[in-house]
Amino acid sequence: MVSGVSGHEMTAAVLRAAMCNQIERDFPHLSAPTLRVVRQVPRHVFVPDVDATTAYIDDAVVTRRDKAGRALSSISQPSMVALMLDLLDLRPGHRVLEIGAGTGYAAALIAELVGPTGQVTTIDIDPAVTDEAARNLDAAGYSRVAVTCADGALGDAAGAPWDRILVSVGAWEPAPEWAHQLAPGGRLVMPLDLGLVQRIVAFERAGHGLRSTRVLAGGFLAQRGRDAVPNTTSALGEAVAIDTASGAGHDPGGVLAVLESAPVGVWTGVHLPPPGQYDRLIVYLALHHQHHLAALTGPRTFLPAALRAWGRIYATVREGTIAHLVFRPSTGTGLDGHHEVGVLAYGANAADAAAALAEDVREWELVRDLDPVFEVVFRAGTAVPQPESGVVLEKRHSHIRASWPGTPGAQVRGAGAA
């Protein structure tokens, strides 16, 4: 044993090195500075109640739950944090605000990247979370990070302007305060909630709002406070739930009754290669059906027979009619390992619903290799014309246009005010 270094610390160092090696293999495009600080910051110090092996798995670890067992706070997946830090493009001397303190781990990584001439503040609405983050940061040697207990939706005007803002919670939209507190040439990186699915979006200031520069797959625990995400969960049975976007509720008994009816099926002719692009398709459908997308979750034995092959089913729910995606192995030359996308629909308008959702899938195929570009305008209460392609999402404080520039993308249906 090296003098002054405990066996626990040596074990943690070995595990950290192995985790970082795996991240570097999985994400070879990550920048050298980001990889350096992930290797340097002792993640186990930020989750003192779990063993070192758990601390150094490339996965999120829930650190706080409510009385019902729902996650309230966590330490984020290291590779996801690294990807977001790369999007931020942090430099020595930058002033950085983090919304959502978690365990303090991300703030410590940021502190390393901006160096002693930089400034880092992390903010959270939950005093138990900020207390824990402050303890962890002190224990790891990052007491220079300021920890503030407040509603992160308001940002931190006292410390503005900020060169970079990192949002470590799933947000329904960028708060206008974040944009206003961003320095000229600054950057905001956040998980943008699109209704049951999220995308990690890098924004820069543009005109009266923000415009995205990069979009990645990923998601975080939902924001709380003034701008809490308005999703709703309803119980359908003993252990089955339906999650709906924008706070739109459904009659649980009615949903199950509709799903027990005879379905109408349509195959789209769209094939997904392994491992597929299912997440991009769901994002596209979420934008098409902002207030009608739902997710059914629960043990398969509690689901209707047609749904038991899937653990989580995304569906559109409208006026007693439900339509959802299904998949079957593709056949044909060059389609080994592919799956064809289909639709099953139930209820009074099942045939029309199946045809409409199948057409959405075919329209998505035109942009299947692209992520949307998001443009945010902070003019709440004013009408924004629906574009010829893409969609305008009306949020609490802003209008967000999602489009696929350079493609013929179809008009998005079903969007509206949150």
Protein backbone atom coordinates (compact mmCIF):
# COMPACT_ATOMS: atom_id res chain seq x y z
CA MET A 1 0.00 0.00 0.00
CA VAL A 2 1.21 3.49 -0.87
CA SER A 3 1.90 5.50 2.29
CA GLY A 4 -1.04 7.77 3.18
CA VAL A 5 -3.45 6.10 0.73
CA SER A 6 -6.08 3.72 2.13
CA GLY A 7 -7.07 0.45 0.54
CA HIS A 8 -10.52 1.92 -0.12
CA GLU A 9 -9.03 4.85 -2.02
CA MET A 10 -6.79 2.56 -4.06
CA THR A 11 -9.77 0.37 -4.95
CA ALA A 12 -11.78 3.46 -5.91
CA ALA A 13 -8.93 4.72 -8.10
CA VAL A 14 -8.73 1.40 -9.95
CA LEU A 15 -12.49 1.30 -10.48
CA ARG A 16 -12.53 4.92 -11.62
CA ALA A 17 -9.79 4.24 -14.16
CA ALA A 18 -11.71 1.23 -15.51
CA MET A 19 -14.92 3.27 -15.81
CA CYS A 20 -13.12 6.09 -17.61
CA ASN A 21 -11.43 3.65 -19.98
CA GLN A 22 -14.85 2.28 -20.88
CA ILE A 23 -16.29 5.78 -21.41
CA GLU A 24 -13.36 6.67 -23.66
CA ARG A 25 -13.94 3.51 -25.73
CA ASP A 26 -17.68 4.12 -25.97
CA PHE A 27 -17.36 7.84 -26.76
CA PRO A 28 -14.05 8.32 -28.58
CA HIS A 29 -15.02 11.83 -29.71
CA LEU A 30 -15.03 13.23 -26.15
CA SER A 31 -12.49 16.01 -25.70
CA ALA A 32 -9.23 15.45 -23.84
CA PRO A 33 -10.04 18.07 -21.13
CA THR A 34 -13.39 16.41 -20.37
CA LEU A 35 -11.87 12.94 -20.15
CA ARG A 36 -9.10 14.32 -17.94
CA VAL A 37 -11.48 15.74 -15.32
CA VAL A 38 -13.69 12.62 -15.32
CA ARG A 39 -10.56 10.64 -14.52
CA GLN A 40 -9.54 13.17 -11.87
CA VAL A 41 -12.70 13.80 -9.82
CA PRO A 42 -13.42 11.06 -7.21
CA ARG A 43 -17.06 10.17 -7.96
CA HIS A 44 -17.36 7.89 -4.92
CA VAL A 45 -16.96 10.89 -2.61
CA PHE A 46 -20.22 12.26 -4.04
CA VAL A 47 -22.17 9.08 -3.21
CA PRO A 48 -20.77 8.19 0.22
CA ASP A 49 -23.68 5.86 1.01
CA VAL A 50 -22.98 3.40 -1.83
CA ASP A 51 -20.06 1.06 -2.37
CA ALA A 52 -17.20 1.99 -4.69
CA THR A 53 -18.22 -0.59 -7.28
CA THR A 54 -21.66 1.03 -7.64
CA ALA A 55 -20.11 4.50 -7.66
CA TYR A 56 -18.00 3.61 -10.68
CA ILE A 57 -20.59 2.01 -12.90
CA ASP A 58 -21.40 4.26 -15.85
CA ASP A 59 -24.95 4.80 -14.72
CA ALA A 60 -27.03 7.18 -12.65
CA VAL A 61 -27.51 6.42 -8.95
CA VAL A 62 -30.67 7.64 -7.20
CA THR A 63 -29.74 9.32 -3.91
CA ARG A 64 -33.09 10.64 -2.68
CA ARG A 65 -36.69 9.43 -3.05
CA ASP A 66 -40.09 10.67 -1.88
CA LYS A 67 -42.44 8.65 0.35
CA ALA A 68 -43.92 6.91 -2.70
CA GLY A 69 -40.48 5.79 -3.85
CA ARG A 70 -40.20 8.23 -6.75
CA ALA A 71 -36.72 9.55 -7.43
CA LEU A 72 -36.12 13.14 -6.34
CA SER A 73 -32.37 13.44 -6.81
CA SER A 74 -29.49 11.45 -8.23
CA ILE A 75 -25.90 11.50 -9.34
CA SER A 76 -26.00 11.58 -13.13
CA GLN A 77 -24.49 9.00 -15.45
CA PRO A 78 -20.80 9.96 -15.89
CA SER A 79 -20.77 9.55 -19.67
CA MET A 80 -23.89 11.71 -19.99
CA VAL A 81 -22.32 14.43 -17.85
CA ALA A 82 -19.17 14.23 -19.98
CA LEU A 83 -21.18 14.63 -23.19
CA MET A 84 -22.97 17.68 -21.78
CA LEU A 85 -19.70 19.23 -20.62
CA ASP A 86 -18.35 18.85 -24.14
CA LEU A 87 -21.45 20.62 -25.45
CA LEU A 88 -20.80 23.47 -23.00
CA ASP A 89 -17.26 23.93 -24.38
CA LEU A 90 -15.94 25.15 -21.03
CA ARG A 91 -12.77 27.24 -20.87
CA PRO A 92 -10.55 28.45 -18.00
CA GLY A 93 -12.05 31.54 -16.40
CA HIS A 94 -15.64 30.85 -17.44
CA ARG A 95 -18.45 31.76 -15.06
CA VAL A 96 -20.86 28.82 -14.92
CA LEU A 97 -24.31 28.33 -13.37
CA GLU A 98 -25.71 24.84 -12.86
CA ILE A 99 -29.46 24.33 -12.36
CA GLY A 100 -30.03 21.19 -10.29
CA ALA A 101 -27.26 20.49 -7.80
CA GLY A 102 -27.69 16.72 -7.46
CA THR A 103 -24.79 15.43 -5.38
CA GLY A 104 -22.39 18.16 -6.52
CA TYR A 105 -20.49 15.85 -8.90
CA ALA A 106 -21.12 17.81 -12.10
CA ALA A 107 -20.20 21.08 -10.36
CA ALA A 108 -16.87 19.56 -9.32
CA LEU A 109 -16.12 18.55 -12.91
CA ILE A 110 -17.01 22.06 -14.07
CA ALA A 111 -14.78 23.58 -11.40
CA GLU A 112 -11.83 21.58 -12.72
CA LEU A 113 -12.49 22.69 -16.30
CA VAL A 114 -12.87 26.42 -15.55
CA GLY A 115 -9.94 26.40 -13.12
CA PRO A 116 -9.19 28.73 -10.20
CA THR A 117 -9.95 31.85 -12.26
CA GLY A 118 -13.45 30.59 -13.07
CA GLN A 119 -16.60 30.72 -10.97
CA VAL A 120 -19.14 27.92 -10.43
CA THR A 121 -22.52 28.17 -8.73
CA THR A 122 -24.92 25.23 -8.42
CA ILE A 123 -28.52 25.84 -7.40
CA ASP A 124 -31.36 23.56 -6.28
CA ILE A 125 -34.85 24.05 -4.88
CA ASP A 126 -34.49 21.30 -2.25
CA PRO A 127 -32.50 22.24 0.88
CA ALA A 128 -31.73 18.57 1.60
CA VAL A 129 -30.13 18.33 -1.84
CA THR A 130 -28.08 21.51 -1.48
CA ASP A 131 -26.91 20.48 2.00
CA GLU A 132 -25.75 17.13 0.63
CA ALA A 133 -24.07 18.71 -2.40
CA ALA A 134 -22.22 21.21 -0.19
CA ARG A 135 -20.98 18.44 2.11
CA ASN A 136 -19.78 16.35 -0.80
CA LEU A 137 -18.05 19.27 -2.52
CA ASP A 138 -16.25 20.19 0.69
CA ALA A 139 -15.19 16.57 1.27
CA ALA A 140 -13.81 16.33 -2.27
CA GLY A 141 -11.91 19.60 -2.01
CA TYR A 142 -14.22 21.83 -4.07
CA SER A 143 -15.39 24.28 -1.42
CA ARG A 144 -14.88 27.10 -3.94
CA VAL A 145 -18.12 25.99 -5.66
CA ALA A 146 -21.03 28.11 -4.41
CA VAL A 147 -24.15 26.12 -3.49
CA THR A 148 -27.47 27.98 -3.38
CA CYS A 149 -30.93 26.81 -2.29
CA ALA A 150 -33.53 28.50 -4.52
CA ASP A 151 -35.84 27.80 -7.45
CA GLY A 152 -33.50 27.23 -10.37
CA ALA A 153 -36.13 28.49 -12.81
CA LEU A 154 -35.16 32.00 -11.69
CA GLY A 155 -31.49 31.45 -12.39
CA ASP A 156 -29.08 33.59 -10.39
CA ALA A 157 -29.33 37.23 -11.38
CA ALA A 158 -26.80 38.30 -8.74
CA GLY A 159 -24.05 36.31 -10.42
CA ALA A 160 -25.04 37.10 -14.01
CA PRO A 161 -23.97 37.32 -16.73
CA TRP A 162 -23.02 33.65 -17.00
CA ASP A 163 -20.75 32.37 -19.75
CA ARG A 164 -22.34 28.95 -19.54
CA ILE A 165 -25.48 27.53 -17.96
CA LEU A 166 -25.87 23.79 -17.42
CA VAL A 167 -29.34 22.48 -16.57
CA SER A 168 -29.16 19.12 -14.81
CA VAL A 169 -32.93 18.55 -14.60
CA GLY A 170 -35.46 17.77 -17.31
CA ALA A 171 -37.08 21.12 -18.18
CA TRP A 172 -40.31 21.77 -20.05
CA GLU A 173 -38.69 24.79 -21.72
CA PRO A 174 -35.74 27.14 -21.26
CA ALA A 175 -36.69 29.66 -18.56
CA PRO A 176 -36.55 33.24 -19.87
CA GLU A 177 -34.30 34.08 -16.91
CA TRP A 178 -31.67 31.64 -18.17
CA ALA A 179 -31.57 33.29 -21.57
CA HIS A 180 -31.50 36.81 -20.11
CA GLN A 181 -28.68 35.92 -17.70
CA LEU A 182 -26.55 34.36 -20.44
CA ALA A 183 -23.56 36.43 -21.52
CA PRO A 184 -23.17 37.42 -25.19
CA GLY A 185 -21.71 34.41 -26.97
CA GLY A 186 -22.75 32.22 -24.05
CA ARG A 187 -24.20 28.74 -24.20
CA LEU A 188 -27.04 26.92 -22.43
CA VAL A 189 -27.14 23.12 -22.32
CA MET A 190 -30.27 21.46 -20.98
CA PRO A 191 -32.49 18.37 -21.16
CA LEU A 192 -35.57 19.62 -23.04
CA ASP A 193 -38.78 17.76 -22.18
CA LEU A 194 -40.82 17.03 -25.30
CA GLY A 195 -43.60 15.16 -23.57
CA LEU A 196 -42.53 11.81 -22.05
CA VAL A 197 -39.22 11.96 -23.92
CA GLN A 198 -36.27 14.32 -23.62
CA ARG A 199 -33.40 15.56 -25.73
CA ILE A 200 -30.18 17.16 -24.49
CA VAL A 201 -30.03 20.46 -26.37
CA ALA A 202 -27.22 23.01 -26.65
CA PHE A 203 -28.61 26.52 -27.18
CA GLU A 204 -27.01 29.83 -28.10
CA ARG A 205 -28.67 33.24 -28.06
CA ALA A 206 -30.30 34.26 -31.33
CA GLY A 207 -32.52 37.26 -31.95
CA HIS A 208 -35.31 37.37 -29.36
CA GLY A 209 -34.51 33.96 -27.96
CA LEU A 210 -32.37 30.87 -28.45
CA ARG A 211 -31.43 28.50 -31.25
CA SER A 212 -30.12 24.97 -30.83
CA THR A 213 -26.68 24.04 -32.14
CA ARG A 214 -26.52 20.37 -31.11
CA VAL A 215 -29.01 17.75 -29.98
CA LEU A 216 -28.20 14.49 -28.18
CA ALA A 217 -30.24 11.62 -26.79
CA GLY A 218 -30.60 11.62 -23.01
CA GLY A 219 -32.84 12.49 -20.09
CA PHE A 220 -32.87 13.65 -16.46
CA LEU A 221 -35.22 13.77 -13.48
CA ALA A 222 -37.97 16.33 -13.95
CA GLN A 223 -37.61 19.93 -12.84
CA ARG A 224 -39.53 21.05 -9.77
CA GLY A 225 -40.70 24.49 -8.71
CA ARG A 226 -42.23 27.24 -10.82
CA ASP A 227 -41.65 25.51 -14.15
CA ALA A 228 -42.30 21.91 -13.12
CA VAL A 229 -42.93 19.54 -16.03
CA PRO A 230 -46.72 19.07 -16.37
CA ASN A 231 -46.85 15.32 -16.91
CA THR A 232 -49.47 13.12 -15.26
CA THR A 233 -49.40 9.49 -14.11
CA SER A 234 -52.62 7.51 -13.57
CA ALA A 235 -52.99 3.95 -12.30
CA LEU A 236 -54.64 1.56 -14.75
CA GLY A 237 -54.56 -1.57 -12.65
CA GLU A 238 -52.77 -3.18 -9.77
CA ALA A 239 -49.32 -2.31 -11.17
CA VAL A 240 -49.92 -0.67 -14.55
CA ALA A 241 -49.69 3.08 -15.15
CA ILE A 242 -50.30 5.49 -18.00
CA ASP A 243 -48.01 8.52 -18.24
CA THR A 244 -49.32 11.44 -20.26
CA ALA A 245 -47.69 14.65 -21.39
CA SER A 246 -48.72 18.21 -20.53
CA GLY A 247 -50.84 17.14 -17.57
CA ALA A 248 -53.51 15.62 -19.81
CA GLY A 249 -55.35 12.93 -17.89
CA HIS A 250 -57.24 9.85 -19.09
CA ASP A 251 -59.88 7.64 -17.54
CA PRO A 252 -57.90 4.52 -16.52
CA GLY A 253 -60.84 2.16 -16.79
CA GLY A 254 -61.72 3.51 -20.21
CA VAL A 255 -58.16 3.06 -21.46
CA LEU A 256 -58.03 -0.59 -20.41
CA ALA A 257 -61.49 -1.24 -21.89
CA VAL A 258 -60.43 0.21 -25.25
CA LEU A 259 -57.24 -1.89 -25.26
CA GLU A 260 -59.28 -5.06 -24.79
CA SER A 261 -61.21 -4.41 -28.01
CA ALA A 262 -60.24 -5.92 -31.37
CA PRO A 263 -57.35 -3.97 -32.94
CA VAL A 264 -56.87 -2.70 -36.48
CA GLY A 265 -53.33 -3.21 -37.81
CA VAL A 266 -51.26 -1.43 -40.47
CA TRP A 267 -47.66 -2.11 -41.56
CA THR A 268 -45.73 0.94 -42.70
CA GLY A 269 -42.98 -0.44 -44.91
CA VAL A 270 -40.46 1.45 -42.75
CA HIS A 271 -37.61 -0.74 -41.47
CA LEU A 272 -35.32 -0.03 -38.52
CA PRO A 273 -31.78 -1.42 -38.60
CA PRO A 274 -30.19 -2.84 -35.47
CA PRO A 275 -29.96 -1.28 -32.94
CA GLY A 276 -32.61 0.87 -34.65
CA GLN A 277 -33.59 4.51 -34.36
CA TYR A 278 -36.59 4.03 -32.12
CA ASP A 279 -35.69 7.00 -29.91
CA ARG A 280 -35.65 9.45 -32.85
CA LEU A 281 -38.99 8.10 -34.00
CA ILE A 282 -40.51 8.61 -30.56
CA VAL A 283 -39.19 12.20 -30.47
CA TYR A 284 -40.80 12.81 -33.86
CA LEU A 285 -44.12 11.40 -32.65
CA ALA A 286 -43.92 13.40 -29.44
CA LEU A 287 -43.65 16.56 -31.51
CA HIS A 288 -46.52 15.43 -33.73
CA HIS A 289 -48.80 14.52 -30.82
CA GLN A 290 -47.72 16.88 -28.06
CA HIS A 291 -50.90 16.47 -25.99
CA HIS A 292 -51.93 13.00 -27.04
CA LEU A 293 -48.81 10.90 -26.51
CA ALA A 294 -48.97 8.46 -23.62
CA ALA A 295 -46.77 5.67 -22.27
CA LEU A 296 -48.10 2.48 -20.73
CA THR A 297 -45.79 0.85 -18.19
CA GLY A 298 -46.01 -2.11 -15.84
CA PRO A 299 -45.53 -5.87 -15.55
CA ARG A 300 -46.36 -7.52 -18.83
CA THR A 301 -48.85 -9.89 -17.21
CA PHE A 302 -51.07 -6.93 -16.35
CA LEU A 303 -51.11 -5.57 -19.89
CA PRO A 304 -53.61 -6.64 -22.54
CA ALA A 305 -52.38 -9.59 -24.60
CA ALA A 306 -51.43 -7.46 -27.61
CA LEU A 307 -49.05 -5.37 -25.50
CA ARG A 308 -47.30 -8.03 -23.43
CA ALA A 309 -44.26 -8.24 -25.67
CA TRP A 310 -43.25 -4.69 -24.69
CA GLY A 311 -42.37 -3.27 -21.29
CA ARG A 312 -43.16 0.37 -22.14
CA ILE A 313 -45.59 1.25 -24.92
CA TYR A 314 -45.84 4.68 -26.53
CA ALA A 315 -49.34 5.36 -27.82
CA THR A 316 -51.59 8.15 -29.03
CA VAL A 317 -54.82 8.51 -27.07
CA ARG A 318 -57.68 10.51 -28.58
CA GLU A 319 -61.42 10.44 -27.89
CA GLY A 320 -61.62 6.79 -26.92
CA THR A 321 -59.20 5.64 -29.61
CA ILE A 322 -55.67 4.35 -28.92
CA ALA A 323 -52.92 3.64 -31.45
CA HIS A 324 -49.42 2.34 -30.74
CA LEU A 325 -46.37 1.04 -32.59
CA VAL A 326 -45.49 -2.63 -33.05
CA PHE A 327 -42.54 -4.30 -34.77
CA ARG A 328 -41.92 -7.51 -36.70
CA PRO A 329 -38.74 -8.99 -38.17
CA SER A 330 -38.10 -7.61 -41.65
CA THR A 331 -37.84 -9.83 -44.70
CA GLY A 332 -36.01 -9.07 -47.91
CA THR A 333 -32.55 -8.54 -49.29
CA GLY A 334 -30.24 -6.54 -47.04
CA LEU A 335 -32.72 -6.40 -44.14
CA ASP A 336 -31.17 -9.03 -41.85
CA GLY A 337 -31.71 -7.98 -38.23
CA HIS A 338 -34.08 -5.17 -39.23
CA HIS A 339 -37.62 -4.73 -37.92
CA GLU A 340 -40.58 -3.28 -39.78
CA VAL A 341 -42.64 -0.67 -37.95
CA GLY A 342 -46.37 -1.25 -37.72
CA VAL A 343 -49.36 0.22 -35.90
CA LEU A 344 -52.17 -1.35 -33.88
CA ALA A 345 -55.19 0.80 -33.08
CA TYR A 346 -58.24 0.21 -30.89
CA GLY A 347 -61.57 1.94 -30.40
CA ALA A 348 -64.26 3.73 -32.36
CA ASN A 349 -61.91 5.36 -34.88
CA ALA A 350 -59.27 2.64 -34.95
CA ALA A 351 -58.92 2.47 -38.75
CA ASP A 352 -58.37 6.22 -39.11
CA ALA A 353 -56.00 6.33 -36.11
CA ALA A 354 -53.92 3.45 -37.45
CA ALA A 355 -53.66 5.03 -40.89
CA ALA A 356 -52.71 8.43 -39.45
CA LEU A 357 -50.00 7.07 -37.14
CA ALA A 358 -48.62 4.91 -39.96
CA GLU A 359 -48.40 7.99 -42.17
CA ASP A 360 -46.51 9.81 -39.41
CA VAL A 361 -43.97 6.97 -39.38
CA ARG A 362 -43.56 7.21 -43.16
CA GLU A 363 -43.10 10.99 -42.94
CA TRP A 364 -40.49 10.48 -40.19
CA GLU A 365 -38.49 8.29 -42.56
CA LEU A 366 -37.70 11.44 -44.58
CA VAL A 367 -35.80 12.86 -41.58
CA ARG A 368 -34.83 9.66 -39.77
CA ASP A 369 -31.12 10.48 -39.74
CA LEU A 370 -31.62 14.02 -38.42
CA ASP A 371 -32.34 15.62 -35.09
CA PRO A 372 -34.67 18.62 -35.02
CA VAL A 373 -33.45 22.19 -34.72
CA PHE A 374 -35.17 24.09 -31.89
CA GLU A 375 -35.78 27.85 -31.98
CA VAL A 376 -37.08 29.52 -28.81
CA VAL A 377 -38.85 32.88 -28.83
CA PHE A 378 -39.79 34.44 -25.47
CA ARG A 379 -43.06 36.06 -26.49
CA ALA A 380 -45.61 34.18 -24.38
CA GLY A 381 -49.22 35.00 -25.17
CA THR A 382 -48.65 35.95 -28.80
CA ALA A 383 -49.62 33.83 -31.76
CA VAL A 384 -46.88 32.23 -33.87
CA PRO A 385 -47.91 31.03 -37.34
CA GLN A 386 -47.67 27.31 -37.92
CA PRO A 387 -44.70 26.73 -40.26
CA GLU A 388 -44.93 24.92 -43.59
CA SER A 389 -42.69 22.25 -42.08
CA GLY A 390 -42.03 21.44 -38.47
CA VAL A 391 -44.15 22.53 -35.53
CA VAL A 392 -44.56 25.35 -33.04
CA LEU A 393 -44.91 24.22 -29.42
CA GLU A 394 -46.60 26.78 -27.21
CA LYS A 395 -45.04 26.68 -23.75
CA ARG A 396 -45.61 28.74 -20.61
CA HIS A 397 -43.04 31.43 -21.33
CA SER A 398 -42.11 30.85 -24.94
CA HIS A 399 -42.83 29.40 -28.33
CA ILE A 400 -40.50 26.65 -29.49
CA ARG A 401 -40.30 25.81 -33.16
CA ALA A 402 -38.94 22.38 -34.03
CA SER A 403 -37.95 21.85 -37.64
CA TRP A 404 -35.71 19.79 -39.88
CA PRO A 405 -34.03 22.38 -42.17
CA GLY A 406 -33.21 21.23 -45.67
CA THR A 407 -35.82 18.47 -45.69
CA PRO A 408 -39.40 18.39 -46.93
CA GLY A 409 -40.69 17.44 -43.44
CA ALA A 410 -44.47 17.36 -43.07
CA GLN A 411 -46.68 19.65 -41.04
CA VAL A 412 -46.82 18.45 -37.45
CA ARG A 413 -50.29 17.82 -36.06
CA GLY A 414 -51.56 17.90 -32.51
CA ALA A 415 -49.37 20.66 -31.03
CA GLY A 416 -50.85 23.34 -28.84
CA ALA A 417 -50.64 25.31 -25.62
CA ALA A 418 -49.26 23.64 -22.54
